[in-house]
Amino acid sequence: MENFPAFDTTHFEQLAAARNLTLGRSVVYYSTIPSTNDVAMRLCAEGAPHGQLVIADHQTRGRGRHGNVWLSPGPCENLLFSLILRLEHVQEAPSNFTLALGLAMRDALQPWLDDDVCIKWVNDILVQDKKLAGILVECQTSSNHHSALVAGIGLNVNMVHLPLPIHSMATSLALLDCPVLDRELILADILKSIENRMAVWQAQGLEAMVNELSRCDALYGRQVTIEGVKGQAMGIDATGALLLKTPDQIAPLRILSGMVELV
């Protein structure tokens, strides 16, 4: 297994300053940690500021939605980070903010890739129908501080030897022949894209992005099952719900949460 350099916080801070980033001004770095989201949730409860970044070169208990495990076995191979976001109206729609983050990831990554970057509702970034990145958004509420979102993102960057559980269903920037594999540069560009999408989401909501979501919807028109319900995915509405056309229903069902599997 190839040895990759540790995340260089000084290099990242220089890139962040050049982009005039507001996110990531405060960075907590770990070489190894169970979960960046767990640390970010604790820091959030303690009053950490908007934009606080927690990043690790390796996670021992990385996690996704519904208790799924996020596998990134090689130290320093991939980009693993969490952000504390103190936004207005966070109680309303952490799930549809996940879709806004998905578009931000697409904004940052698409210019470097020949193949289309797509979003699989609600939190997966796919290229060639394989998972490139995942997003986990959790809501933090305390009596002493305003509600906030903690957004955890895992992006496969340098990983080329995929572990057995995901070898047929995942990919990485390296496997996609991406010309940019500098994790610090990639993170700076992702955070800039998140800032841009976050501003639109706060001002206009997800409704302003629905047309873009429809153009990169990895599920549209495909047969899927969600928690045992089978049907045809018919897009995403302005609230972030997945529309599912089932054989016994005239109007599509609005699915607000659940695990999606392609039939």
Protein backbone atom coordinates (compact mmCIF):
# COMPACT_ATOMS: atom_id res chain seq x y z
CA MET A 1 0.00 0.00 0.00
CA GLU A 2 1.36 3.40 -0.99
CA ASN A 3 2.20 5.90 1.74
CA PHE A 4 0.55 9.29 1.32
CA PRO A 5 1.50 12.49 3.15
CA ALA A 6 -0.46 13.62 6.18
CA PHE A 7 -2.93 16.43 5.69
CA ASP A 8 -0.97 19.70 5.69
CA THR A 9 -2.99 22.23 7.68
CA THR A 10 -0.57 25.07 6.83
CA HIS A 11 -0.96 24.42 3.10
CA PHE A 12 -4.74 24.26 3.51
CA GLU A 13 -4.85 27.53 5.46
CA GLN A 14 -2.91 29.25 2.68
CA LEU A 15 -5.37 27.96 0.09
CA ALA A 16 -8.33 28.95 2.28
CA ALA A 17 -6.96 32.48 2.68
CA ALA A 18 -6.48 32.79 -1.08
CA ARG A 19 -10.16 31.91 -1.56
CA ASN A 20 -11.25 34.18 1.30
CA LEU A 21 -13.07 31.28 2.91
CA THR A 22 -15.26 31.78 5.95
CA LEU A 23 -15.60 28.03 6.47
CA GLY A 24 -12.57 26.24 7.83
CA ARG A 25 -10.95 29.24 9.50
CA SER A 26 -10.63 27.13 12.63
CA VAL A 27 -9.18 23.67 12.00
CA VAL A 28 -8.88 20.70 14.35
CA TYR A 29 -6.71 17.96 12.82
CA TYR A 30 -6.28 14.34 13.93
CA SER A 31 -4.07 11.68 12.43
CA THR A 32 -6.49 8.98 13.63
CA ILE A 33 -9.90 9.35 15.21
CA PRO A 34 -13.03 7.21 15.56
CA SER A 35 -15.31 9.70 13.75
CA THR A 36 -14.94 13.34 12.73
CA ASN A 37 -18.69 13.82 13.16
CA ASP A 38 -18.54 12.62 16.75
CA VAL A 39 -15.86 15.18 17.58
CA ALA A 40 -17.67 17.93 15.69
CA MET A 41 -20.91 17.18 17.53
CA ARG A 42 -19.11 17.48 20.86
CA LEU A 43 -17.38 20.71 19.86
CA CYS A 44 -20.70 22.05 18.59
CA ALA A 45 -22.35 21.38 21.96
CA GLU A 46 -19.47 23.23 23.61
CA GLY A 47 -20.10 26.31 21.47
CA ALA A 48 -17.59 25.91 18.64
CA PRO A 49 -18.03 28.59 15.96
CA HIS A 50 -19.73 28.43 12.60
CA GLY A 51 -17.32 26.98 10.07
CA GLN A 52 -15.29 24.92 12.55
CA LEU A 53 -13.53 22.17 10.59
CA VAL A 54 -12.60 18.77 11.98
CA ILE A 55 -10.41 16.67 9.70
CA ALA A 56 -8.70 13.31 10.07
CA ASP A 57 -6.32 11.24 7.99
CA HIS A 58 -7.93 8.04 9.25
CA GLN A 59 -11.19 7.05 10.94
CA THR A 60 -11.66 3.84 12.89
CA ARG A 61 -15.45 4.13 13.14
CA GLY A 62 -16.49 6.30 10.24
CA ARG A 63 -20.21 6.19 9.70
CA GLY A 64 -22.91 7.06 7.23
CA ARG A 65 -26.70 7.24 7.36
CA HIS A 66 -28.76 4.58 9.11
CA GLY A 67 -25.72 3.22 10.93
CA ASN A 68 -23.82 2.27 7.78
CA VAL A 69 -20.03 2.11 8.01
CA TRP A 70 -17.84 4.44 5.94
CA LEU A 71 -14.76 2.45 4.90
CA SER A 72 -11.47 4.26 4.36
CA PRO A 73 -8.81 1.78 5.45
CA GLY A 74 -5.65 3.50 4.20
CA PRO A 75 -4.28 6.38 6.30
CA CYS A 76 -4.04 9.68 4.39
CA GLU A 77 -5.67 8.19 1.28
CA ASN A 78 -8.99 9.99 1.38
CA LEU A 79 -10.62 13.22 2.50
CA LEU A 80 -12.53 12.81 5.77
CA PHE A 81 -13.93 15.90 7.45
CA SER A 82 -16.84 17.47 9.32
CA LEU A 83 -18.10 21.05 9.44
CA ILE A 84 -20.10 22.88 12.07
CA LEU A 85 -22.69 25.08 10.38
CA ARG A 86 -24.74 27.51 12.46
CA LEU A 87 -27.50 28.44 10.03
CA GLU A 88 -31.00 29.82 10.30
CA HIS A 89 -33.97 27.44 10.12
CA VAL A 90 -31.85 24.32 10.57
CA GLN A 91 -34.74 22.53 12.27
CA GLU A 92 -36.70 22.66 9.04
CA ALA A 93 -34.72 20.53 6.66
CA PRO A 94 -31.37 18.95 7.48
CA SER A 95 -32.20 16.33 4.85
CA ASN A 96 -32.76 18.79 2.03
CA PHE A 97 -29.63 20.68 3.07
CA THR A 98 -27.84 17.40 2.39
CA LEU A 99 -28.95 17.73 -1.24
CA ALA A 100 -27.58 21.29 -1.37
CA LEU A 101 -24.27 19.92 -0.10
CA GLY A 102 -24.43 17.27 -2.81
CA LEU A 103 -24.67 20.00 -5.42
CA ALA A 104 -21.73 21.77 -3.79
CA MET A 105 -19.67 18.59 -4.08
CA ARG A 106 -20.68 18.32 -7.72
CA ASP A 107 -19.73 21.97 -8.32
CA ALA A 108 -16.24 21.34 -6.95
CA LEU A 109 -15.55 17.96 -8.55
CA GLN A 110 -17.18 18.09 -11.99
CA PRO A 111 -14.59 20.45 -13.57
CA TRP A 112 -11.89 17.83 -12.93
CA LEU A 113 -13.77 14.79 -14.23
CA ASP A 114 -14.81 13.67 -17.70
CA ASP A 115 -17.76 11.58 -16.49
CA ASP A 116 -20.91 13.10 -15.02
CA VAL A 117 -21.00 13.61 -11.27
CA CYS A 118 -24.46 12.56 -10.07
CA ILE A 119 -26.39 12.65 -6.81
CA LYS A 120 -28.12 9.54 -5.51
CA TRP A 121 -30.84 10.70 -3.15
CA VAL A 122 -30.20 11.71 -0.57
CA ASN A 123 -26.54 11.71 0.34
CA ASP A 124 -24.35 9.82 -2.14
CA ILE A 125 -22.16 11.26 -4.90
CA LEU A 126 -21.83 8.84 -7.81
CA VAL A 127 -19.67 8.69 -10.91
CA GLN A 128 -20.18 5.84 -13.40
CA ASP A 129 -22.86 4.55 -11.00
CA LYS A 130 -20.21 4.04 -8.30
CA LYS A 131 -19.95 5.87 -5.00
CA LEU A 132 -17.30 8.57 -4.90
CA ALA A 133 -18.41 10.43 -1.78
CA GLY A 134 -20.96 10.35 1.00
CA ILE A 135 -22.53 13.02 3.19
CA LEU A 136 -23.90 12.70 6.71
CA VAL A 137 -25.76 15.70 8.16
CA GLU A 138 -26.72 15.66 11.83
CA CYS A 139 -28.58 18.28 13.84
CA GLN A 140 -27.19 19.52 17.15
CA THR A 141 -29.49 21.25 19.63
CA SER A 142 -28.59 22.39 23.13
CA SER A 143 -30.09 24.65 25.77
CA ASN A 144 -27.09 26.99 25.75
CA HIS A 145 -26.48 27.42 22.04
CA HIS A 146 -28.48 27.84 18.85
CA SER A 147 -29.25 24.76 16.81
CA ALA A 148 -26.64 23.85 14.28
CA LEU A 149 -25.84 21.29 11.62
CA VAL A 150 -22.81 19.06 11.59
CA ALA A 151 -21.99 17.99 8.05
CA GLY A 152 -19.63 15.05 7.67
CA ILE A 153 -18.18 14.28 4.24
CA GLY A 154 -16.05 11.40 3.05
CA LEU A 155 -14.49 11.63 -0.41
CA ASN A 156 -12.43 8.84 -1.95
CA VAL A 157 -9.32 10.51 -3.32
CA ASN A 158 -6.21 8.33 -3.62
CA MET A 159 -7.72 4.94 -2.80
CA VAL A 160 -7.14 2.44 -5.61
CA HIS A 161 -7.26 -0.85 -3.68
CA LEU A 162 -10.89 -0.92 -2.60
CA PRO A 163 -11.77 -3.15 0.36
CA LEU A 164 -13.89 -6.19 -0.43
CA PRO A 165 -17.24 -4.88 0.87
CA ILE A 166 -17.15 -1.93 -1.54
CA HIS A 167 -14.84 -2.97 -4.37
CA SER A 168 -17.65 -3.33 -6.89
CA MET A 169 -19.70 -0.31 -5.83
CA ALA A 170 -17.21 2.48 -5.07
CA THR A 171 -14.65 4.53 -6.95
CA SER A 172 -12.11 7.28 -6.26
CA LEU A 173 -10.66 10.34 -7.92
CA ALA A 174 -7.50 8.38 -8.63
CA LEU A 175 -9.45 5.57 -10.32
CA LEU A 176 -11.28 8.20 -12.37
CA ASP A 177 -7.95 9.67 -13.57
CA CYS A 178 -8.61 12.98 -11.86
CA PRO A 179 -5.68 15.37 -12.52
CA VAL A 180 -6.00 16.84 -9.02
CA LEU A 181 -5.32 14.61 -6.01
CA ASP A 182 -4.06 17.27 -3.59
CA ARG A 183 -6.39 16.83 -0.61
CA GLU A 184 -5.78 20.34 0.69
CA LEU A 185 -6.66 21.90 -2.67
CA ILE A 186 -9.71 19.67 -3.09
CA LEU A 187 -10.97 20.58 0.37
CA ALA A 188 -10.50 24.31 -0.19
CA ASP A 189 -12.51 24.13 -3.42
CA ILE A 190 -15.24 22.03 -1.78
CA LEU A 191 -15.59 24.52 1.07
CA LYS A 192 -15.87 27.41 -1.40
CA SER A 193 -18.62 25.56 -3.23
CA ILE A 194 -20.39 24.82 0.06
CA GLU A 195 -20.29 28.52 0.96
CA ASN A 196 -21.91 29.39 -2.36
CA ARG A 197 -24.64 26.74 -2.11
CA MET A 198 -25.25 27.53 1.56
CA ALA A 199 -25.93 31.18 0.74
CA VAL A 200 -28.53 30.19 -1.86
CA TRP A 201 -30.12 27.62 0.47
CA GLN A 202 -30.50 30.14 3.28
CA ALA A 203 -31.89 32.84 0.99
CA GLN A 204 -34.15 30.78 -1.29
CA GLY A 205 -34.26 27.22 0.02
CA LEU A 206 -33.82 24.03 -1.94
CA GLU A 207 -36.52 25.10 -4.39
CA ALA A 208 -33.97 27.30 -6.16
CA MET A 209 -31.85 24.20 -6.90
CA VAL A 210 -34.48 21.65 -7.91
CA ASN A 211 -33.88 22.05 -11.65
CA GLU A 212 -30.17 21.42 -11.16
CA LEU A 213 -30.90 18.39 -9.01
CA SER A 214 -33.08 16.95 -11.76
CA ARG A 215 -30.19 17.22 -14.22
CA CYS A 216 -27.84 15.18 -12.04
CA ASP A 217 -30.36 12.82 -10.40
CA ALA A 218 -28.79 9.35 -10.44
CA LEU A 219 -32.13 7.66 -9.73
CA TYR A 220 -34.56 9.37 -12.11
CA GLY A 221 -36.59 6.86 -14.10
CA ARG A 222 -35.00 3.86 -12.45
CA GLN A 223 -36.66 1.05 -10.53
CA VAL A 224 -35.80 1.19 -6.85
CA THR A 225 -36.89 -0.15 -3.50
CA ILE A 226 -37.10 2.00 -0.37
CA GLU A 227 -37.71 0.21 2.91
CA GLY A 228 -39.43 -2.61 1.04
CA VAL A 229 -41.53 -0.35 -1.23
CA LYS A 230 -40.81 -0.86 -4.92
CA GLY A 231 -41.40 1.72 -7.61
CA GLN A 232 -39.95 4.08 -10.18
CA ALA A 233 -38.00 7.12 -8.99
CA MET A 234 -39.61 10.22 -10.50
CA GLY A 235 -37.34 12.98 -9.26
CA ILE A 236 -36.95 15.20 -6.21
CA ASP A 237 -39.45 17.87 -5.16
CA ALA A 238 -38.81 21.34 -3.74
CA THR A 239 -38.75 20.02 -0.18
CA GLY A 240 -36.11 17.41 -0.93
CA ALA A 241 -38.51 14.46 -0.92
CA LEU A 242 -37.95 11.64 -3.39
CA LEU A 243 -40.97 11.02 -5.64
CA LEU A 244 -41.72 7.32 -6.04
CA LYS A 245 -44.29 6.01 -8.53
CA THR A 246 -45.68 2.68 -7.37
CA PRO A 247 -47.92 0.35 -9.41
CA ASP A 248 -50.89 0.77 -7.07
CA GLN A 249 -50.78 4.57 -6.67
CA ILE A 250 -51.86 7.22 -9.18
CA ALA A 251 -49.80 10.01 -7.66
CA PRO A 252 -46.15 9.48 -6.70
CA LEU A 253 -45.39 8.89 -3.04
CA ARG A 254 -43.26 11.51 -1.28
CA ILE A 255 -40.42 9.69 0.45
CA LEU A 256 -38.78 11.73 3.20
CA SER A 257 -36.24 9.20 4.45
CA GLY A 258 -35.07 5.65 3.93
CA MET A 259 -32.44 3.50 2.29
CA VAL A 260 -32.64 3.36 -1.50
CA GLU A 261 -31.58 0.29 -3.46
CA LEU A 262 -31.59 -0.09 -7.22
CA VAL A 263 -33.62 -3.01 -8.48
